[in-house]
Amino acid sequence: EAARLADYPHQLGPTVSWLTARLRHGWDGDPPTAGLAGDGRGRVVG
């Protein structure tokens, strides 16, 4: 959402339910593999 607001605010924002569904089912039944980078204090930064 922070990246969307900064880089492409014309797009719809993500939601927790959207991302959960995407990670479990993908766009067409082929889900992506996702990874997260943290800042060392428990916050996701990437």
All heavy atoms as atom14 arrays in JSON, in Angstrom:
{
  "sequence": "EAARLADYPHQLGPTVSWLTARLRHGWDGDPPTAGLAGDGRGRVVG",
  "atom14_mask": [
    [1, 1, 1, 1, 1, 1, 1, 1, 1, 0, 0, 0, 0, 0],
    [1, 1, 1, 1, 1, 0, 0, 0, 0, 0, 0, 0, 0, 0],
    [1, 1, 1, 1, 1, 0, 0, 0, 0, 0, 0, 0, 0, 0],
    [1, 1, 1, 1, 1, 1, 1, 1, 1, 1, 1, 0, 0, 0],
    [1, 1, 1, 1, 1, 1, 1, 1, 0, 0, 0, 0, 0, 0],
    [1, 1, 1, 1, 1, 0, 0, 0, 0, 0, 0, 0, 0, 0],
    [1, 1, 1, 1, 1, 1, 1, 1, 0, 0, 0, 0, 0, 0],
    [1, 1, 1, 1, 1, 1, 1, 1, 1, 1, 1, 1, 0, 0],
    [1, 1, 1, 1, 1, 1, 1, 0, 0, 0, 0, 0, 0, 0],
    [1, 1, 1, 1, 1, 1, 1, 1, 1, 1, 0, 0, 0, 0],
    [1, 1, 1, 1, 1, 1, 1, 1, 1, 0, 0, 0, 0, 0],
    [1, 1, 1, 1, 1, 1, 1, 1, 0, 0, 0, 0, 0, 0],
    [1, 1, 1, 1, 0, 0, 0, 0, 0, 0, 0, 0, 0, 0],
    [1, 1, 1, 1, 1, 1, 1, 0, 0, 0, 0, 0, 0, 0],
    [1, 1, 1, 1, 1, 1, 1, 0, 0, 0, 0, 0, 0, 0],
    [1, 1, 1, 1, 1, 1, 1, 0, 0, 0, 0, 0, 0, 0],
    [1, 1, 1, 1, 1, 1, 0, 0, 0, 0, 0, 0, 0, 0],
    [1, 1, 1, 1, 1, 1, 1, 1, 1, 1, 1, 1, 1, 1],
    [1, 1, 1, 1, 1, 1, 1, 1, 0, 0, 0, 0, 0, 0],
    [1, 1, 1, 1, 1, 1, 1, 0, 0, 0, 0, 0, 0, 0],
    [1, 1, 1, 1, 1, 0, 0, 0, 0, 0, 0, 0, 0, 0],
    [1, 1, 1, 1, 1, 1, 1, 1, 1, 1, 1, 0, 0, 0],
    [1, 1, 1, 1, 1, 1, 1, 1, 0, 0, 0, 0, 0, 0],
    [1, 1, 1, 1, 1, 1, 1, 1, 1, 1, 1, 0, 0, 0],
    [1, 1, 1, 1, 1, 1, 1, 1, 1, 1, 0, 0, 0, 0],
    [1, 1, 1, 1, 0, 0, 0, 0, 0, 0, 0, 0, 0, 0],
    [1, 1, 1, 1, 1, 1, 1, 1, 1, 1, 1, 1, 1, 1],
    [1, 1, 1, 1, 1, 1, 1, 1, 0, 0, 0, 0, 0, 0],
    [1, 1, 1, 1, 0, 0, 0, 0, 0, 0, 0, 0, 0, 0],
    [1, 1, 1, 1, 1, 1, 1, 1, 0, 0, 0, 0, 0, 0],
    [1, 1, 1, 1, 1, 1, 1, 0, 0, 0, 0, 0, 0, 0],
    [1, 1, 1, 1, 1, 1, 1, 0, 0, 0, 0, 0, 0, 0],
    [1, 1, 1, 1, 1, 1, 1, 0, 0, 0, 0, 0, 0, 0],
    [1, 1, 1, 1, 1, 0, 0, 0, 0, 0, 0, 0, 0, 0],
    [1, 1, 1, 1, 0, 0, 0, 0, 0, 0, 0, 0, 0, 0],
    [1, 1, 1, 1, 1, 1, 1, 1, 0, 0, 0, 0, 0, 0],
    [1, 1, 1, 1, 1, 0, 0, 0, 0, 0, 0, 0, 0, 0],
    [1, 1, 1, 1, 0, 0, 0, 0, 0, 0, 0, 0, 0, 0],
    [1, 1, 1, 1, 1, 1, 1, 1, 0, 0, 0, 0, 0, 0],
    [1, 1, 1, 1, 0, 0, 0, 0, 0, 0, 0, 0, 0, 0],
    [1, 1, 1, 1, 1, 1, 1, 1, 1, 1, 1, 0, 0, 0],
    [1, 1, 1, 1, 0, 0, 0, 0, 0, 0, 0, 0, 0, 0],
    [1, 1, 1, 1, 1, 1, 1, 1, 1, 1, 1, 0, 0, 0],
    [1, 1, 1, 1, 1, 1, 1, 0, 0, 0, 0, 0, 0, 0],
    [1, 1, 1, 1, 1, 1, 1, 0, 0, 0, 0, 0, 0, 0],
    [1, 1, 1, 1, 0, 0, 0, 0, 0, 0, 0, 0, 0, 0]
  ],
  "atom14_positions": [
    [[0.82, -1.21, 0.0], [0.0, 0.0, 0.0], [0.86, 1.26, 0.0], [0.57, 2.23, -0.7], [-0.96, 0.0, 1.2], [-1.77, 1.27, 1.34], [-2.74, 1.55, 0.19], [-2.83, 0.76, -0.78], [-3.41, 2.61, 0.26], [0.0, 0.0, 0.0], [0.0, 0.0, 0.0], [0.0, 0.0, 0.0], [0.0, 0.0, 0.0], [0.0, 0.0, 0.0]],
    [[1.92, 1.28, 0.77], [2.8, 2.45, 0.8], [3.43, 2.67, -0.57], [3.53, 3.81, -1.05], [3.89, 2.27, 1.86], [0.0, 0.0, 0.0], [0.0, 0.0, 0.0], [0.0, 0.0, 0.0], [0.0, 0.0, 0.0], [0.0, 0.0, 0.0], [0.0, 0.0, 0.0], [0.0, 0.0, 0.0], [0.0, 0.0, 0.0], [0.0, 0.0, 0.0]],
    [[3.85, 1.59, -1.23], [4.43, 1.71, -2.57], [3.37, 2.16, -3.57], [3.65, 2.99, -4.45], [5.04, 0.38, -3.0], [0.0, 0.0, 0.0], [0.0, 0.0, 0.0], [0.0, 0.0, 0.0], [0.0, 0.0, 0.0], [0.0, 0.0, 0.0], [0.0, 0.0, 0.0], [0.0, 0.0, 0.0], [0.0, 0.0, 0.0], [0.0, 0.0, 0.0]],
    [[2.16, 1.64, -3.44], [1.08, 2.05, -4.35], [0.82, 3.55, -4.23], [0.74, 4.26, -5.23], [-0.2, 1.29, -4.05], [-1.37, 1.67, -4.98], [-2.7, 1.14, -4.45], [-3.16, 1.86, -3.29], [-3.82, 3.02, -3.33], [-4.06, 3.62, -4.48], [-4.23, 3.6, -2.22], [0.0, 0.0, 0.0], [0.0, 0.0, 0.0], [0.0, 0.0, 0.0]],
    [[0.71, 4.03, -3.02], [0.45, 5.45, -2.81], [1.57, 6.32, -3.38], [1.31, 7.4, -3.92], [0.25, 5.75, -1.32], [-1.04, 5.22, -0.72], [-1.02, 5.36, 0.8], [-2.25, 5.89, -1.33], [0.0, 0.0, 0.0], [0.0, 0.0, 0.0], [0.0, 0.0, 0.0], [0.0, 0.0, 0.0], [0.0, 0.0, 0.0], [0.0, 0.0, 0.0]],
    [[2.8, 5.85, -3.27], [3.94, 6.63, -3.75], [4.14, 6.53, -5.26], [4.51, 7.51, -5.9], [5.21, 6.16, -3.04], [0.0, 0.0, 0.0], [0.0, 0.0, 0.0], [0.0, 0.0, 0.0], [0.0, 0.0, 0.0], [0.0, 0.0, 0.0], [0.0, 0.0, 0.0], [0.0, 0.0, 0.0], [0.0, 0.0, 0.0], [0.0, 0.0, 0.0]],
    [[3.88, 5.35, -5.83], [4.29, 5.09, -7.21], [3.15, 4.98, -8.23], [3.35, 5.29, -9.4], [5.1, 3.79, -7.27], [6.32, 3.82, -6.38], [6.84, 4.93, -6.12], [6.75, 2.75, -5.94], [0.0, 0.0, 0.0], [0.0, 0.0, 0.0], [0.0, 0.0, 0.0], [0.0, 0.0, 0.0], [0.0, 0.0, 0.0], [0.0, 0.0, 0.0]],
    [[2.0, 4.5, -7.82], [0.89, 4.32, -8.76], [-0.45, 4.44, -8.03], [-1.19, 3.49, -7.89], [1.02, 2.98, -9.52], [1.43, 1.8, -8.66], [0.47, 0.98, -8.09], [2.76, 1.51, -8.44], [0.84, -0.1, -7.31], [3.15, 0.44, -7.66], [2.18, -0.37, -7.1], [2.54, -1.43, -6.32], [0.0, 0.0, 0.0], [0.0, 0.0, 0.0]],
    [[-0.74, 5.66, -7.56], [-1.95, 5.87, -6.75], [-3.26, 5.66, -7.51], [-4.32, 5.58, -6.88], [-1.81, 7.33, -6.28], [-0.89, 7.95, -7.26], [0.05, 6.87, -7.71], [0.0, 0.0, 0.0], [0.0, 0.0, 0.0], [0.0, 0.0, 0.0], [0.0, 0.0, 0.0], [0.0, 0.0, 0.0], [0.0, 0.0, 0.0], [0.0, 0.0, 0.0]],
    [[-3.2, 5.56, -8.82], [-4.41, 5.34, -9.61], [-4.92, 3.9, -9.5], [-6.05, 3.62, -9.88], [-4.14, 5.67, -11.08], [-3.05, 4.86, -11.68], [-1.71, 5.14, -11.46], [-3.08, 3.77, -12.46], [-0.97, 4.26, -12.1], [-1.78, 3.41, -12.71], [0.0, 0.0, 0.0], [0.0, 0.0, 0.0], [0.0, 0.0, 0.0], [0.0, 0.0, 0.0]],
    [[-4.11, 3.0, -8.98], [-4.51, 1.61, -8.83], [-5.29, 1.41, -7.54], [-5.16, 2.19, -6.59], [-3.27, 0.7, -8.77], [-2.53, 0.6, -10.08], [-3.28, -0.19, -11.11], [-3.92, 0.37, -11.98], [-3.22, -1.49, -11.02], [0.0, 0.0, 0.0], [0.0, 0.0, 0.0], [0.0, 0.0, 0.0], [0.0, 0.0, 0.0], [0.0, 0.0, 0.0]],
    [[-6.07, 0.35, -7.48], [-6.76, 0.0, -6.24], [-5.75, -0.53, -5.23], [-4.77, -1.17, -5.6], [-7.82, -1.07, -6.5], [-9.01, -0.63, -7.36], [-9.91, -1.82, -7.64], [-9.78, 0.48, -6.67], [0.0, 0.0, 0.0], [0.0, 0.0, 0.0], [0.0, 0.0, 0.0], [0.0, 0.0, 0.0], [0.0, 0.0, 0.0], [0.0, 0.0, 0.0]],
    [[-6.02, -0.29, -3.98], [-5.11, -0.74, -2.93], [-5.3, -2.2, -2.57], [-6.38, -2.76, -2.74], [0.0, 0.0, 0.0], [0.0, 0.0, 0.0], [0.0, 0.0, 0.0], [0.0, 0.0, 0.0], [0.0, 0.0, 0.0], [0.0, 0.0, 0.0], [0.0, 0.0, 0.0], [0.0, 0.0, 0.0], [0.0, 0.0, 0.0], [0.0, 0.0, 0.0]],
    [[-4.25, -2.82, -2.04], [-4.34, -4.21, -1.62], [-5.06, -4.33, -0.28], [-5.12, -3.38, 0.5], [-2.87, -4.62, -1.48], [-2.19, -3.34, -1.07], [-2.92, -2.25, -1.81], [0.0, 0.0, 0.0], [0.0, 0.0, 0.0], [0.0, 0.0, 0.0], [0.0, 0.0, 0.0], [0.0, 0.0, 0.0], [0.0, 0.0, 0.0], [0.0, 0.0, 0.0]],
    [[-5.58, -5.51, -0.03], [-6.2, -5.81, 1.27], [-5.61, -7.13, 1.78], [-5.03, -7.9, 1.02], [-7.73, -5.97, 1.17], [-8.02, -7.09, 0.33], [-8.39, -4.71, 0.6], [0.0, 0.0, 0.0], [0.0, 0.0, 0.0], [0.0, 0.0, 0.0], [0.0, 0.0, 0.0], [0.0, 0.0, 0.0], [0.0, 0.0, 0.0], [0.0, 0.0, 0.0]],
    [[-5.8, -7.38, 3.05], [-5.32, -8.62, 3.64], [-6.0, -9.82, 2.98], [-5.35, -10.81, 2.65], [-5.52, -8.62, 5.17], [-5.31, -10.0, 5.77], [-4.59, -7.6, 5.82], [0.0, 0.0, 0.0], [0.0, 0.0, 0.0], [0.0, 0.0, 0.0], [0.0, 0.0, 0.0], [0.0, 0.0, 0.0], [0.0, 0.0, 0.0], [0.0, 0.0, 0.0]],
    [[-7.31, -9.74, 2.77], [-8.02, -10.87, 2.16], [-7.57, -11.09, 0.71], [-7.42, -12.23, 0.27], [-9.54, -10.69, 2.24], [-9.94, -9.52, 1.59], [0.0, 0.0, 0.0], [0.0, 0.0, 0.0], [0.0, 0.0, 0.0], [0.0, 0.0, 0.0], [0.0, 0.0, 0.0], [0.0, 0.0, 0.0], [0.0, 0.0, 0.0], [0.0, 0.0, 0.0]],
    [[-7.32, -10.0, -0.03], [-6.83, -10.14, -1.41], [-5.47, -10.83, -1.43], [-5.25, -11.76, -2.21], [-6.74, -8.76, -2.08], [-5.99, -8.77, -3.37], [-6.49, -9.1, -4.59], [-4.6, -8.46, -3.56], [-5.49, -9.01, -5.54], [-4.32, -8.63, -4.93], [-3.57, -8.07, -2.71], [-3.06, -8.41, -5.46], [-2.31, -7.86, -3.24], [-2.06, -8.03, -4.6]],
    [[-4.54, -10.37, -0.59], [-3.2, -10.95, -0.6], [-3.23, -12.4, -0.12], [-2.55, -13.26, -0.68], [-2.24, -10.12, 0.26], [-0.79, -10.6, 0.22], [-0.24, -10.62, -1.21], [0.08, -9.73, 1.12], [0.0, 0.0, 0.0], [0.0, 0.0, 0.0], [0.0, 0.0, 0.0], [0.0, 0.0, 0.0], [0.0, 0.0, 0.0], [0.0, 0.0, 0.0]],
    [[-4.02, -12.69, 0.88], [-4.14, -14.06, 1.37], [-4.62, -14.98, 0.25], [-4.05, -16.05, 0.01], [-5.08, -14.13, 2.58], [-4.56, -13.32, 3.62], [-5.25, -15.55, 3.08], [0.0, 0.0, 0.0], [0.0, 0.0, 0.0], [0.0, 0.0, 0.0], [0.0, 0.0, 0.0], [0.0, 0.0, 0.0], [0.0, 0.0, 0.0], [0.0, 0.0, 0.0]],
    [[-5.67, -14.56, -0.45], [-6.19, -15.37, -1.56], [-5.14, -15.51, -2.67], [-4.97, -16.59, -3.24], [-7.46, -14.74, -2.11], [0.0, 0.0, 0.0], [0.0, 0.0, 0.0], [0.0, 0.0, 0.0], [0.0, 0.0, 0.0], [0.0, 0.0, 0.0], [0.0, 0.0, 0.0], [0.0, 0.0, 0.0], [0.0, 0.0, 0.0], [0.0, 0.0, 0.0]],
    [[-4.43, -14.43, -2.98], [-3.4, -14.47, -4.02], [-2.28, -15.45, -3.66], [-1.83, -16.22, -4.5], [-2.83, -13.07, -4.23], [-1.72, -12.99, -5.23], [-1.34, -11.55, -5.5], [-0.13, -11.46, -6.25], [0.0, -11.8, -7.53], [-1.04, -12.26, -8.19], [1.15, -11.7, -8.15], [0.0, 0.0, 0.0], [0.0, 0.0, 0.0], [0.0, 0.0, 0.0]],
    [[-1.85, -15.42, -2.4], [-0.76, -16.3, -1.99], [-1.19, -17.76, -1.92], [-0.37, -18.66, -2.09], [-0.21, -15.85, -0.64], [0.47, -14.48, -0.64], [0.91, -14.1, 0.77], [1.64, -14.43, -1.62], [0.0, 0.0, 0.0], [0.0, 0.0, 0.0], [0.0, 0.0, 0.0], [0.0, 0.0, 0.0], [0.0, 0.0, 0.0], [0.0, 0.0, 0.0]],
    [[-2.46, -18.0, -1.68], [-2.95, -19.39, -1.6], [-3.39, -19.94, -2.95], [-3.28, -21.14, -3.19], [-4.09, -19.47, -0.61], [-3.64, -19.32, 0.81], [-4.73, -19.59, 1.81], [-4.18, -19.49, 3.16], [-4.87, -19.04, 4.19], [-6.13, -18.66, 4.04], [-4.3, -18.98, 5.38], [0.0, 0.0, 0.0], [0.0, 0.0, 0.0], [0.0, 0.0, 0.0]],
    [[-3.9, -19.07, -3.82], [-4.51, -19.56, -5.06], [-3.95, -18.93, -6.33], [-4.2, -19.44, -7.43], [-6.03, -19.33, -5.02], [-6.66, -19.88, -3.79], [-6.81, -21.25, -3.58], [-7.15, -19.28, -2.69], [-7.37, -21.44, -2.4], [-7.6, -20.26, -1.84], [0.0, 0.0, 0.0], [0.0, 0.0, 0.0], [0.0, 0.0, 0.0], [0.0, 0.0, 0.0]],
    [[-3.25, -17.82, -6.22], [-2.72, -17.14, -7.4], [-3.83, -16.53, -8.24], [-4.99, -16.48, -7.84], [0.0, 0.0, 0.0], [0.0, 0.0, 0.0], [0.0, 0.0, 0.0], [0.0, 0.0, 0.0], [0.0, 0.0, 0.0], [0.0, 0.0, 0.0], [0.0, 0.0, 0.0], [0.0, 0.0, 0.0], [0.0, 0.0, 0.0], [0.0, 0.0, 0.0]],
    [[-3.43, -16.04, -9.39], [-4.4, -15.43, -10.3], [-5.26, -16.49, -10.96], [-6.45, -16.33, -11.14], [-3.65, -14.6, -11.35], [-4.53, -14.04, -12.4], [-4.63, -14.48, -13.7], [-5.45, -12.97, -12.28], [-5.55, -13.73, -14.38], [-6.07, -12.79, -13.52], [-5.82, -12.13, -11.23], [-7.03, -11.82, -13.76], [-6.77, -11.16, -11.47], [-7.36, -11.01, -12.72]],
    [[-4.63, -17.6, -11.35], [-5.35, -18.63, -12.1], [-5.07, -20.03, -11.55], [-4.95, -20.98, -12.29], [-4.99, -18.55, -13.57], [-3.5, -18.73, -13.82], [-2.75, -18.85, -12.84], [-3.09, -18.76, -14.99], [0.0, 0.0, 0.0], [0.0, 0.0, 0.0], [0.0, 0.0, 0.0], [0.0, 0.0, 0.0], [0.0, 0.0, 0.0], [0.0, 0.0, 0.0]],
    [[-4.95, -20.11, -10.24], [-4.68, -21.4, -9.63], [-3.2, -21.71, -9.54], [-2.83, -22.82, -9.17], [0.0, 0.0, 0.0], [0.0, 0.0, 0.0], [0.0, 0.0, 0.0], [0.0, 0.0, 0.0], [0.0, 0.0, 0.0], [0.0, 0.0, 0.0], [0.0, 0.0, 0.0], [0.0, 0.0, 0.0], [0.0, 0.0, 0.0], [0.0, 0.0, 0.0]],
    [[-2.36, -20.77, -9.9], [-0.91, -20.94, -9.88], [-0.32, -19.89, -8.94], [0.14, -18.83, -9.38], [-0.38, -20.73, -11.31], [0.59, -21.8, -11.74], [1.03, -22.58, -10.89], [0.91, -21.83, -12.93], [0.0, 0.0, 0.0], [0.0, 0.0, 0.0], [0.0, 0.0, 0.0], [0.0, 0.0, 0.0], [0.0, 0.0, 0.0], [0.0, 0.0, 0.0]],
    [[-0.34, -20.12, -7.63], [0.09, -19.08, -6.7], [1.59, -18.78, -6.77], [2.38, -19.67, -7.08], [-0.27, -19.66, -5.33], [-0.33, -21.13, -5.53], [-0.75, -21.34, -6.96], [0.0, 0.0, 0.0], [0.0, 0.0, 0.0], [0.0, 0.0, 0.0], [0.0, 0.0, 0.0], [0.0, 0.0, 0.0], [0.0, 0.0, 0.0], [0.0, 0.0, 0.0]],
    [[1.95, -17.54, -6.5], [3.37, -17.19, -6.45], [3.98, -17.67, -5.13], [3.28, -17.99, -4.18], [3.35, -15.66, -6.5], [2.08, -15.3, -5.79], [1.1, -16.39, -6.19], [0.0, 0.0, 0.0], [0.0, 0.0, 0.0], [0.0, 0.0, 0.0], [0.0, 0.0, 0.0], [0.0, 0.0, 0.0], [0.0, 0.0, 0.0], [0.0, 0.0, 0.0]],
    [[5.29, -17.71, -5.11], [6.02, -17.9, -3.86], [6.39, -16.5, -3.39], [6.89, -15.69, -4.18], [7.3, -18.73, -4.11], [6.92, -19.98, -4.66], [8.06, -18.95, -2.82], [0.0, 0.0, 0.0], [0.0, 0.0, 0.0], [0.0, 0.0, 0.0], [0.0, 0.0, 0.0], [0.0, 0.0, 0.0], [0.0, 0.0, 0.0], [0.0, 0.0, 0.0]],
    [[6.14, -16.21, -2.13], [6.39, -14.85, -1.64], [7.37, -14.88, -0.48], [7.37, -15.8, 0.34], [5.09, -14.2, -1.19], [0.0, 0.0, 0.0], [0.0, 0.0, 0.0], [0.0, 0.0, 0.0], [0.0, 0.0, 0.0], [0.0, 0.0, 0.0], [0.0, 0.0, 0.0], [0.0, 0.0, 0.0], [0.0, 0.0, 0.0], [0.0, 0.0, 0.0]],
    [[8.19, -13.85, -0.46], [9.14, -13.68, 0.63], [9.06, -12.28, 1.19], [8.66, -11.35, 0.5], [0.0, 0.0, 0.0], [0.0, 0.0, 0.0], [0.0, 0.0, 0.0], [0.0, 0.0, 0.0], [0.0, 0.0, 0.0], [0.0, 0.0, 0.0], [0.0, 0.0, 0.0], [0.0, 0.0, 0.0], [0.0, 0.0, 0.0], [0.0, 0.0, 0.0]],
    [[9.45, -12.15, 2.45], [9.42, -10.85, 3.12], [10.8, -10.51, 3.66], [11.51, -11.36, 4.16], [8.44, -10.89, 4.3], [7.0, -11.31, 4.02], [6.2, -11.32, 5.31], [6.37, -10.41, 2.98], [0.0, 0.0, 0.0], [0.0, 0.0, 0.0], [0.0, 0.0, 0.0], [0.0, 0.0, 0.0], [0.0, 0.0, 0.0], [0.0, 0.0, 0.0]],
    [[11.13, -9.24, 3.57], [12.35, -8.71, 4.2], [11.91, -7.87, 5.37], [10.96, -7.09, 5.27], [13.14, -7.87, 3.2], [0.0, 0.0, 0.0], [0.0, 0.0, 0.0], [0.0, 0.0, 0.0], [0.0, 0.0, 0.0], [0.0, 0.0, 0.0], [0.0, 0.0, 0.0], [0.0, 0.0, 0.0], [0.0, 0.0, 0.0], [0.0, 0.0, 0.0]],
    [[12.59, -8.04, 6.5], [12.28, -7.27, 7.7], [13.38, -6.28, 8.02], [14.48, -6.34, 7.46], [0.0, 0.0, 0.0], [0.0, 0.0, 0.0], [0.0, 0.0, 0.0], [0.0, 0.0, 0.0], [0.0, 0.0, 0.0], [0.0, 0.0, 0.0], [0.0, 0.0, 0.0], [0.0, 0.0, 0.0], [0.0, 0.0, 0.0], [0.0, 0.0, 0.0]],
    [[13.07, -5.38, 8.92], [14.02, -4.33, 9.29], [14.81, -4.66, 10.56], [15.54, -3.83, 11.07], [13.32, -2.99, 9.44], [12.34, -2.96, 10.61], [12.16, -3.99, 11.3], [11.74, -1.89, 10.83], [0.0, 0.0, 0.0], [0.0, 0.0, 0.0], [0.0, 0.0, 0.0], [0.0, 0.0, 0.0], [0.0, 0.0, 0.0], [0.0, 0.0, 0.0]],
    [[14.65, -5.86, 11.08], [15.35, -6.22, 12.31], [14.57, -5.87, 13.57], [14.96, -6.24, 14.67], [0.0, 0.0, 0.0], [0.0, 0.0, 0.0], [0.0, 0.0, 0.0], [0.0, 0.0, 0.0], [0.0, 0.0, 0.0], [0.0, 0.0, 0.0], [0.0, 0.0, 0.0], [0.0, 0.0, 0.0], [0.0, 0.0, 0.0], [0.0, 0.0, 0.0]],
    [[13.49, -5.12, 13.4], [12.64, -4.75, 14.55], [11.25, -5.34, 14.42], [10.31, -4.9, 15.06], [12.55, -3.23, 14.67], [13.9, -2.6, 15.02], [13.78, -1.12, 15.17], [13.48, -0.54, 13.86], [13.5, 0.76, 13.6], [13.75, 1.6, 14.55], [13.24, 1.2, 12.39], [0.0, 0.0, 0.0], [0.0, 0.0, 0.0], [0.0, 0.0, 0.0]],
    [[11.13, -6.32, 13.51], [9.85, -7.0, 13.35], [8.92, -6.39, 12.31], [7.8, -6.86, 12.16], [0.0, 0.0, 0.0], [0.0, 0.0, 0.0], [0.0, 0.0, 0.0], [0.0, 0.0, 0.0], [0.0, 0.0, 0.0], [0.0, 0.0, 0.0], [0.0, 0.0, 0.0], [0.0, 0.0, 0.0], [0.0, 0.0, 0.0], [0.0, 0.0, 0.0]],
    [[9.38, -5.36, 11.63], [8.53, -4.73, 10.61], [8.93, -5.21, 9.22], [10.11, -5.33, 8.9], [8.65, -3.21, 10.67], [8.01, -2.63, 11.91], [8.1, -1.14, 11.9], [9.52, -0.78, 11.93], [9.96, 0.44, 12.22], [9.12, 1.41, 12.47], [11.25, 0.7, 12.24], [0.0, 0.0, 0.0], [0.0, 0.0, 0.0], [0.0, 0.0, 0.0]],
    [[7.92, -5.47, 8.4], [8.15, -5.86, 7.01], [8.5, -4.6, 6.22], [7.8, -3.59, 6.32], [6.9, -6.54, 6.41], [7.12, -6.87, 4.94], [6.55, -7.8, 7.19], [0.0, 0.0, 0.0], [0.0, 0.0, 0.0], [0.0, 0.0, 0.0], [0.0, 0.0, 0.0], [0.0, 0.0, 0.0], [0.0, 0.0, 0.0], [0.0, 0.0, 0.0]],
    [[9.59, -4.66, 5.45], [9.99, -3.52, 4.62], [10.06, -3.86, 3.14], [10.22, -2.98, 2.3], [11.34, -2.92, 5.09], [11.21, -2.33, 6.49], [12.45, -3.95, 5.02], [0.0, 0.0, 0.0], [0.0, 0.0, 0.0], [0.0, 0.0, 0.0], [0.0, 0.0, 0.0], [0.0, 0.0, 0.0], [0.0, 0.0, 0.0], [0.0, 0.0, 0.0]],
    [[9.95, -5.15, 2.81], [10.01, -5.55, 1.4], [9.25, -6.83, 1.15], [9.13, -7.69, 2.04], [0.0, 0.0, 0.0], [0.0, 0.0, 0.0], [0.0, 0.0, 0.0], [0.0, 0.0, 0.0], [0.0, 0.0, 0.0], [0.0, 0.0, 0.0], [0.0, 0.0, 0.0], [0.0, 0.0, 0.0], [0.0, 0.0, 0.0], [0.0, 0.0, 0.0]]
  ]
}
